[in-house]
Protein backbone atom coordinates (compact mmCIF):
# COMPACT_ATOMS: atom_id res chain seq x y z
CA MET A 1 5.53 -21.81 11.24
CA PRO A 2 2.52 -24.17 11.44
CA PRO A 3 0.67 -24.84 8.15
CA TYR A 4 -2.53 -23.13 9.37
CA THR A 5 -0.66 -19.93 10.29
CA ARG A 6 1.16 -19.96 6.95
CA ARG A 7 -2.17 -20.36 5.13
CA VAL A 8 -3.76 -17.48 7.08
CA SER A 9 -0.70 -15.32 6.43
CA ARG A 10 -0.92 -16.05 2.69
CA THR A 11 -4.64 -15.23 2.71
CA ILE A 12 -4.01 -11.86 4.37
CA GLU A 13 -1.20 -11.20 1.90
CA LEU A 14 -3.54 -12.04 -1.00
CA ILE A 15 -6.34 -9.79 0.31
CA ALA A 16 -3.92 -6.90 0.90
CA GLY A 17 -2.49 -7.37 -2.59
CA VAL A 18 -5.92 -7.32 -4.23
CA VAL A 19 -6.93 -4.21 -2.24
CA LEU A 20 -3.74 -2.43 -3.32
CA LEU A 21 -4.29 -3.45 -6.95
CA VAL A 22 -7.85 -2.09 -6.88
CA VAL A 23 -6.68 1.18 -5.31
CA GLY A 24 -3.86 1.50 -7.86
CA ILE A 25 -6.22 0.89 -10.77
CA ALA A 26 -8.68 3.41 -9.33
CA VAL A 27 -5.92 6.02 -9.05
CA LEU A 28 -4.76 5.38 -12.62
CA ALA A 29 -8.34 5.55 -13.91
CA SER A 30 -9.34 8.50 -11.72
CA GLU A 31 -9.66 11.04 -14.56
CA PRO A 32 -11.99 8.87 -16.70
CA LEU A 33 -13.92 7.89 -13.57
CA ILE A 34 -14.40 11.56 -12.62
CA ASN A 35 -15.62 12.34 -16.13
CA LEU A 36 -17.97 9.33 -16.04
CA VAL A 37 -19.43 10.23 -12.65
CA GLY A 38 -19.64 13.91 -13.62
CA GLY A 39 -21.60 12.99 -16.74
CA VAL A 40 -24.17 11.03 -14.74
CA GLY A 41 -25.40 14.23 -13.08
CA ILE A 42 -24.69 13.51 -9.42
CA ASP A 43 -24.61 16.67 -7.34
CA GLU A 44 -21.15 17.81 -6.16
CA ALA A 45 -22.39 18.02 -2.57
CA VAL A 46 -23.13 14.29 -2.70
CA LEU A 47 -19.81 13.50 -4.41
CA ALA A 48 -17.94 15.22 -1.57
CA TRP A 49 -18.87 12.28 0.65
CA TRP A 50 -16.90 9.75 -1.46
CA PRO A 51 -14.34 9.04 1.33
CA LEU A 52 -17.11 7.25 3.21
CA LEU A 53 -16.39 4.35 0.84
CA ILE A 54 -12.86 4.11 2.28
CA ILE A 55 -14.18 4.33 5.83
CA GLY A 56 -16.68 1.60 4.97
CA LEU A 57 -13.85 -0.55 3.61
CA SER A 58 -11.99 -0.07 6.90
CA LEU A 59 -14.95 -1.63 8.71
CA PHE A 60 -14.34 -4.82 6.68
CA PHE A 61 -11.08 -5.13 8.63
CA LEU A 62 -11.93 -3.48 11.95
CA VAL A 63 -15.23 -5.14 12.83
CA PRO A 64 -13.96 -8.75 12.74
CA ALA A 65 -10.70 -7.70 14.41
CA LEU A 66 -12.43 -5.99 17.31
CA LEU A 67 -15.40 -8.34 17.77
CA GLY A 68 -13.24 -11.30 18.56
CA GLY A 69 -12.76 -14.77 17.35
CA PRO A 70 -10.54 -17.77 17.87
CA ASN A 71 -7.45 -16.62 15.95
CA ARG A 72 -5.85 -13.65 17.73
CA ARG A 73 -3.02 -13.30 15.21
CA LEU A 74 -5.44 -13.03 12.30
CA ARG A 75 -7.46 -10.42 14.18
CA ALA A 76 -4.29 -8.52 15.04
CA GLY A 77 -3.25 -8.57 11.39
CA MET A 78 -6.61 -7.21 10.28
CA VAL A 79 -6.66 -4.24 12.63
CA ILE A 80 -3.57 -2.61 11.06
CA PRO A 81 -4.95 -2.09 7.51
CA GLY A 82 -8.33 -1.25 9.03
CA ALA A 83 -6.79 1.55 11.10
CA ILE A 84 -4.87 2.91 8.11
CA LEU A 85 -7.99 2.94 5.93
CA ALA A 86 -10.07 4.56 8.69
CA GLY A 87 -7.47 7.28 9.26
CA ALA A 88 -7.00 7.98 5.55
CA GLY A 89 -10.75 7.93 4.96
CA GLY A 90 -11.39 10.34 7.83
CA ALA A 91 -8.70 12.75 6.63
CA LEU A 92 -9.96 12.55 3.05
CA LEU A 93 -13.53 13.12 4.22
CA TYR A 94 -12.45 16.25 6.10
CA THR A 95 -10.58 17.66 3.12
CA SER A 96 -13.31 16.71 0.68
CA LEU A 97 -16.11 18.32 2.69
CA THR A 98 -14.15 21.49 3.55
CA ASP A 99 -12.34 21.69 0.18
CA ARG A 100 -9.09 22.36 2.07
CA TRP A 101 -6.81 20.07 0.07
CA GLU A 102 -3.80 22.21 0.96
CA ALA A 103 -4.12 20.80 4.49
CA TRP A 104 -2.40 17.66 3.19
CA ALA A 105 0.90 19.54 3.61
CA SER A 106 0.66 18.38 7.22
CA LEU A 107 -2.34 16.04 7.19
CA TRP A 108 -0.37 13.24 5.50
CA THR A 109 0.92 12.40 8.97
CA VAL A 110 -2.44 10.75 9.66
CA LEU A 111 -1.19 7.74 7.68
CA PRO A 112 1.77 6.81 9.92
CA PHE A 113 -0.33 7.81 12.94
CA SER A 114 -3.07 5.38 11.89
CA PHE A 115 -0.44 2.71 11.26
CA GLY A 116 0.93 3.30 14.77
CA LEU A 117 -2.54 3.01 16.28
CA GLY A 118 -3.10 -0.16 14.29
CA MET A 119 0.19 -1.61 15.53
CA TYR A 120 -0.72 -0.71 19.11
CA ALA A 121 -4.15 -2.32 18.76
CA ALA A 122 -2.57 -5.40 17.14
CA GLY A 123 -0.19 -5.66 20.10
CA TRP A 124 -3.12 -5.38 22.47
CA ILE A 125 -5.15 -8.04 20.61
CA ALA A 126 -2.25 -10.47 20.16
CA ASP A 127 -0.75 -9.71 23.58
CA ALA A 128 2.52 -8.61 21.96
CA PRO A 129 4.17 -5.86 24.04
CA ALA A 130 6.72 -5.08 21.29
CA PHE A 131 3.89 -4.17 18.89
CA LYS A 132 2.42 -1.88 21.53
CA TRP A 133 5.71 -0.03 22.06
CA ILE A 134 6.48 0.25 18.35
CA GLY A 135 2.94 1.39 17.55
CA PHE A 136 3.03 3.94 20.36
CA ALA A 137 6.39 5.31 19.17
CA ILE A 138 5.18 5.60 15.56
CA ALA A 139 1.97 7.36 16.66
CA VAL A 140 3.86 9.83 18.87
CA GLY A 141 6.40 10.48 16.10
CA SER A 142 3.54 11.17 13.70
CA VAL A 143 1.97 13.65 16.10
CA VAL A 144 5.31 15.45 16.42
CA ALA A 145 5.68 15.45 12.62
CA TYR A 146 2.16 16.84 12.26
CA LEU A 147 2.90 19.62 14.74
CA VAL A 148 6.13 20.51 12.93
CA PHE A 149 4.51 20.54 9.48
CA ALA A 150 1.39 22.36 10.71
CA THR A 151 3.64 24.98 12.25
CA THR A 152 5.67 25.31 9.07
CA PHE A 153 2.95 25.16 6.41
CA GLY A 154 -0.25 26.02 8.26
CA GLY A 155 -1.88 29.37 8.74
CA GLU A 156 -1.57 31.46 11.88
CA ALA A 157 -4.14 29.37 13.79
CA PHE A 158 -2.28 26.16 12.89
CA ARG A 159 1.02 27.73 13.92
CA LEU A 160 -0.34 28.81 17.28
CA ILE A 161 -1.97 25.45 18.06
CA ALA A 162 1.04 23.48 16.81
CA ALA A 163 3.49 25.66 18.74
CA ILE A 164 1.48 25.16 21.95
CA GLY A 165 1.38 21.41 21.24
CA ILE A 166 5.13 21.26 20.68
CA LEU A 167 5.75 23.24 23.87
CA ALA A 168 3.41 20.95 25.85
CA LEU A 169 5.11 17.82 24.51
CA GLY A 170 8.55 19.27 25.25
CA LEU A 171 7.47 20.25 28.76
CA ALA A 172 6.02 16.79 29.43
CA LEU A 173 9.18 15.06 28.21
CA THR A 174 11.39 17.43 30.21
CA ILE A 175 9.41 16.93 33.41
CA GLY A 176 9.41 13.16 32.86
CA GLY A 177 13.17 13.15 32.30
CA LEU A 178 13.83 15.38 35.30
CA GLY A 179 11.50 13.35 37.49
CA GLU A 180 13.43 10.17 36.78
CA ARG A 181 16.78 11.87 37.42
CA LEU A 182 15.58 13.46 40.65
CA SER A 183 14.10 10.20 41.93
CA ARG A 184 17.46 8.45 41.40
CA LYS A 185 19.38 11.19 43.26
CA SER A 186 17.04 11.57 46.21
CA PRO A 187 18.62 10.51 49.49
CA ALA A 188 17.36 7.38 51.18
CA ALA A 189 15.33 8.06 54.28
């Protein structure tokens, strides 16, 4: 590995490590932080928008990755954590604004889905077909997992939508599999 690539890789590793340390400290200190913020007198309707901070942090990674620059590998590496933060921030914003925290019984699948999208985008940026395929597979697996968990733990509306989604996915895969088999068996003209 060239020295420049090694240096960039170490920088990304350092940034990711610092971000994880900050998030871990925030989680550990969440109770005192909630008490501190609650004592300041900020309205709860305003506090419900706190996940916008995570979405804003995702822009730190996504904007440089998507705008372009000379180092495609660095950009590709930045899009993955940016996608994860954007997905987690969006899901947290939904649950915070609607106060439907029980939705996380199936909504957790947004994390591997976001990772899959980030991998796909990284493959697109770095022109790495393996990343695209792996990212696509992870994203599809996450959608299937969401549909299964939404069917199992969701209300009647979730069950109906998830069941229709599972049926549609099964039908698409079946037709795709049959189409390939039929095209191989068709007689030559």
